[in-house]
C-alpha atoms as a PDB file:
ATOM      1  CA  PRO A   1      -7.109 -16.522 -14.799  1.00  0.00           C
ATOM      2  CA  ALA A   2     -10.771 -15.594 -14.850  1.00  0.00           C
ATOM      3  CA  ARG A   3     -11.677 -11.945 -14.565  1.00  0.00           C
ATOM      4  CA  PRO A   4     -13.404 -11.189 -11.254  1.00  0.00           C
ATOM      5  CA  GLN A   5     -17.109 -10.392 -11.446  1.00  0.00           C
ATOM      6  CA  GLU A   6     -17.676  -6.657 -11.030  1.00  0.00           C
ATOM      7  CA  THR A   7     -20.098  -5.455  -8.365  1.00  0.00           C
ATOM      8  CA  ASP A   8     -22.339  -2.877 -10.062  1.00  0.00           C
ATOM      9  CA  VAL A   9     -23.057  -0.562  -7.134  1.00  0.00           C
ATOM     10  CA  CYS A  10     -25.481   1.563  -9.176  1.00  0.00           C
ATOM     11  CA  ALA A  11     -27.772  -1.388  -9.966  1.00  0.00           C
ATOM     12  CA  THR A  12     -29.679  -0.975  -6.696  1.00  0.00           C
ATOM     13  CA  VAL A  13     -28.925   2.482  -5.225  1.00  0.00           C
ATOM     14  CA  THR A  14     -27.602   5.929  -6.078  1.00  0.00           C
ATOM     15  CA  SER A  15     -27.335   7.034  -2.434  1.00  0.00           C
ATOM     16  CA  LEU A  16     -25.466   4.721  -0.091  1.00  0.00           C
ATOM     17  CA  PRO A  17     -27.063   3.801   3.247  1.00  0.00           C
ATOM     18  CA  ALA A  18     -25.255   4.276   6.558  1.00  0.00           C
ATOM     19  CA  GLY A  19     -22.776   1.528   7.363  1.00  0.00           C
ATOM     20  CA  THR A  20     -21.878   0.664   3.746  1.00  0.00           C
ATOM     21  CA  VAL A  21     -18.561  -1.200   3.572  1.00  0.00           C
ATOM     22  CA  TRP A  22     -16.913  -2.312   0.340  1.00  0.00           C
ATOM     23  CA  LYS A  23     -14.778  -5.393   1.013  1.00  0.00           C
ATOM     24  CA  ALA A  24     -12.071  -7.017  -1.105  1.00  0.00           C
ATOM     25  CA  GLU A  25     -14.319 -10.078  -1.610  1.00  0.00           C
ATOM     26  CA  GLY A  26     -16.799  -7.965  -3.638  1.00  0.00           C
ATOM     27  CA  SER A  27     -14.099  -6.162  -5.616  1.00  0.00           C
ATOM     28  CA  PRO A  28     -13.942  -4.710  -8.191  1.00  0.00           C
ATOM     29  CA  TYR A  29     -16.799  -2.252  -7.599  1.00  0.00           C
ATOM     30  CA  LEU A  30     -18.119  -0.511 -10.722  1.00  0.00           C
ATOM     31  CA  ILE A  31     -19.597   2.990 -10.522  1.00  0.00           C
ATOM     32  CA  LYS A  32     -21.591   3.969 -13.603  1.00  0.00           C
ATOM     33  CA  CYS A  33     -23.888   6.620 -12.106  1.00  0.00           C
ATOM     34  CA  SER A  34     -23.629   9.620  -9.811  1.00  0.00           C
ATOM     35  CA  LEU A  35     -23.274   7.710  -6.533  1.00  0.00           C
ATOM     36  CA  ARG A  36     -23.700   9.738  -3.348  1.00  0.00           C
ATOM     37  CA  VAL A  37     -22.600   9.595   0.256  1.00  0.00           C
ATOM     38  CA  GLU A  38     -25.081  12.241   1.376  1.00  0.00           C
ATOM     39  CA  SER A  39     -25.002  12.959   5.122  1.00  0.00           C
ATOM     40  CA  GLU A  40     -24.756  11.300   8.526  1.00  0.00           C
ATOM     41  CA  ASN A  41     -27.484   8.910   7.276  1.00  0.00           C
ATOM     42  CA  SER A  42     -25.131   7.722   4.539  1.00  0.00           C
ATOM     43  CA  SER A  43     -21.569   6.434   4.868  1.00  0.00           C
ATOM     44  CA  LEU A  44     -18.927   4.487   2.964  1.00  0.00           C
ATOM     45  CA  GLN A  45     -15.813   2.655   4.075  1.00  0.00           C
ATOM     46  CA  ILE A  46     -13.532   1.125   1.432  1.00  0.00           C
ATOM     47  CA  ASP A  47     -11.450  -1.710   2.890  1.00  0.00           C
ATOM     48  CA  PRO A  48      -7.867  -2.689   1.956  1.00  0.00           C
ATOM     49  CA  GLY A  49      -7.447  -4.494  -1.366  1.00  0.00           C
ATOM     50  CA  VAL A  50     -10.564  -3.006  -2.996  1.00  0.00           C
ATOM     51  CA  VAL A  51     -10.559  -1.805  -6.610  1.00  0.00           C
ATOM     52  CA  VAL A  52     -13.136   0.851  -7.560  1.00  0.00           C
ATOM     53  CA  LYS A  53     -13.726   1.372 -11.289  1.00  0.00           C
ATOM     54  CA  PHE A  54     -15.500   4.384 -12.774  1.00  0.00           C
ATOM     55  CA  ASP A  55     -17.075   4.331 -16.229  1.00  0.00           C
ATOM     56  CA  LYS A  56     -17.330   7.454 -18.405  1.00  0.00           C
ATOM     57  CA  ILE A  57     -20.205   8.958 -16.388  1.00  0.00           C
ATOM     58  CA  GLY A  58     -19.373   7.438 -13.000  1.00  0.00           C
ATOM     59  CA  GLN A  59     -19.023   9.833 -10.072  1.00  0.00           C
ATOM     60  CA  LEU A  60     -18.669   9.508  -6.319  1.00  0.00           C
ATOM     61  CA  ARG A  61     -20.065  12.557  -4.512  1.00  0.00           C
ATOM     62  CA  VAL A  62     -19.134  12.632  -0.836  1.00  0.00           C
ATOM     63  CA  ARG A  63     -20.881  14.865   1.709  1.00  0.00           C
ATOM     64  CA  GLY A  64     -21.059  12.345   4.549  1.00  0.00           C
ATOM     65  CA  PRO A  65     -18.742   9.968   6.424  1.00  0.00           C
ATOM     66  CA  PHE A  66     -16.154   8.425   4.069  1.00  0.00           C
ATOM     67  CA  LYS A  67     -13.057   6.350   4.853  1.00  0.00           C
ATOM     68  CA  ILE A  68     -10.493   4.653   2.634  1.00  0.00           C
ATOM     69  CA  ALA A  69      -8.707   2.028   4.730  1.00  0.00           C
ATOM     70  CA  GLY A  70      -5.944   0.930   2.351  1.00  0.00           C
ATOM     71  CA  THR A  71      -2.620  -0.292   3.672  1.00  0.00           C
ATOM     72  CA  ALA A  72       0.790  -0.671   2.036  1.00  0.00           C
ATOM     73  CA  PRO A  73       0.403  -4.387   1.251  1.00  0.00           C
ATOM     74  CA  ALA A  74      -3.278  -3.984   0.267  1.00  0.00           C
ATOM     75  CA  ASP A  75      -3.842  -0.641  -1.426  1.00  0.00           C
ATOM     76  CA  VAL A  76      -7.201   0.721  -2.501  1.00  0.00           C
ATOM     77  CA  GLU A  77      -7.197   1.429  -6.240  1.00  0.00           C
ATOM     78  CA  LEU A  78      -9.461   4.029  -7.882  1.00  0.00           C
ATOM     79  CA  THR A  79      -9.313   3.613 -11.653  1.00  0.00           C
ATOM     80  CA  SER A  80     -11.173   3.781 -14.951  1.00  0.00           C
ATOM     81  CA  SER A  81     -13.288   0.905 -16.231  1.00  0.00           C
ATOM     82  CA  LEU A  82     -11.821   1.414 -19.716  1.00  0.00           C
ATOM     83  CA  PRO A  83      -9.483  -1.393 -20.833  1.00  0.00           C
ATOM     84  CA  SER A  84      -6.690   1.084 -21.712  1.00  0.00           C
ATOM     85  CA  PRO A  85      -7.454   4.371 -19.925  1.00  0.00           C
ATOM     86  CA  GLN A  86      -5.673   7.476 -21.057  1.00  0.00           C
ATOM     87  CA  PRO A  87      -3.906   9.754 -18.576  1.00  0.00           C
ATOM     88  CA  ARG A  88      -6.423  11.853 -16.608  1.00  0.00           C
ATOM     89  CA  ALA A  89      -9.279   9.519 -17.625  1.00  0.00           C
ATOM     90  CA  LEU A  90     -10.866  10.091 -14.204  1.00  0.00           C
ATOM     91  CA  CYS A  91     -10.574  13.892 -14.429  1.00  0.00           C
ATOM     92  CA  PRO A  92     -12.844  15.357 -17.114  1.00  0.00           C
END
């Protein structure tokens, strides 16, 4: 099967606007910058079935509204973008 196209969330912003929702249709989402959810003027909801991949310098800094809406049949996965990540690859 073809590999899904990654959505590079850092290509257009480094601070998310209010009302940002990541949906399964746009998954996987790739973070390769210091992405911020700053305040009440910035928010992020991650819907069920979404995969979020972080590269070596990718960060998600949350200081505003943030919700992960995974469910048992459709988890949200936070993982490394490396093909074979080592244990603790997301924790420098």
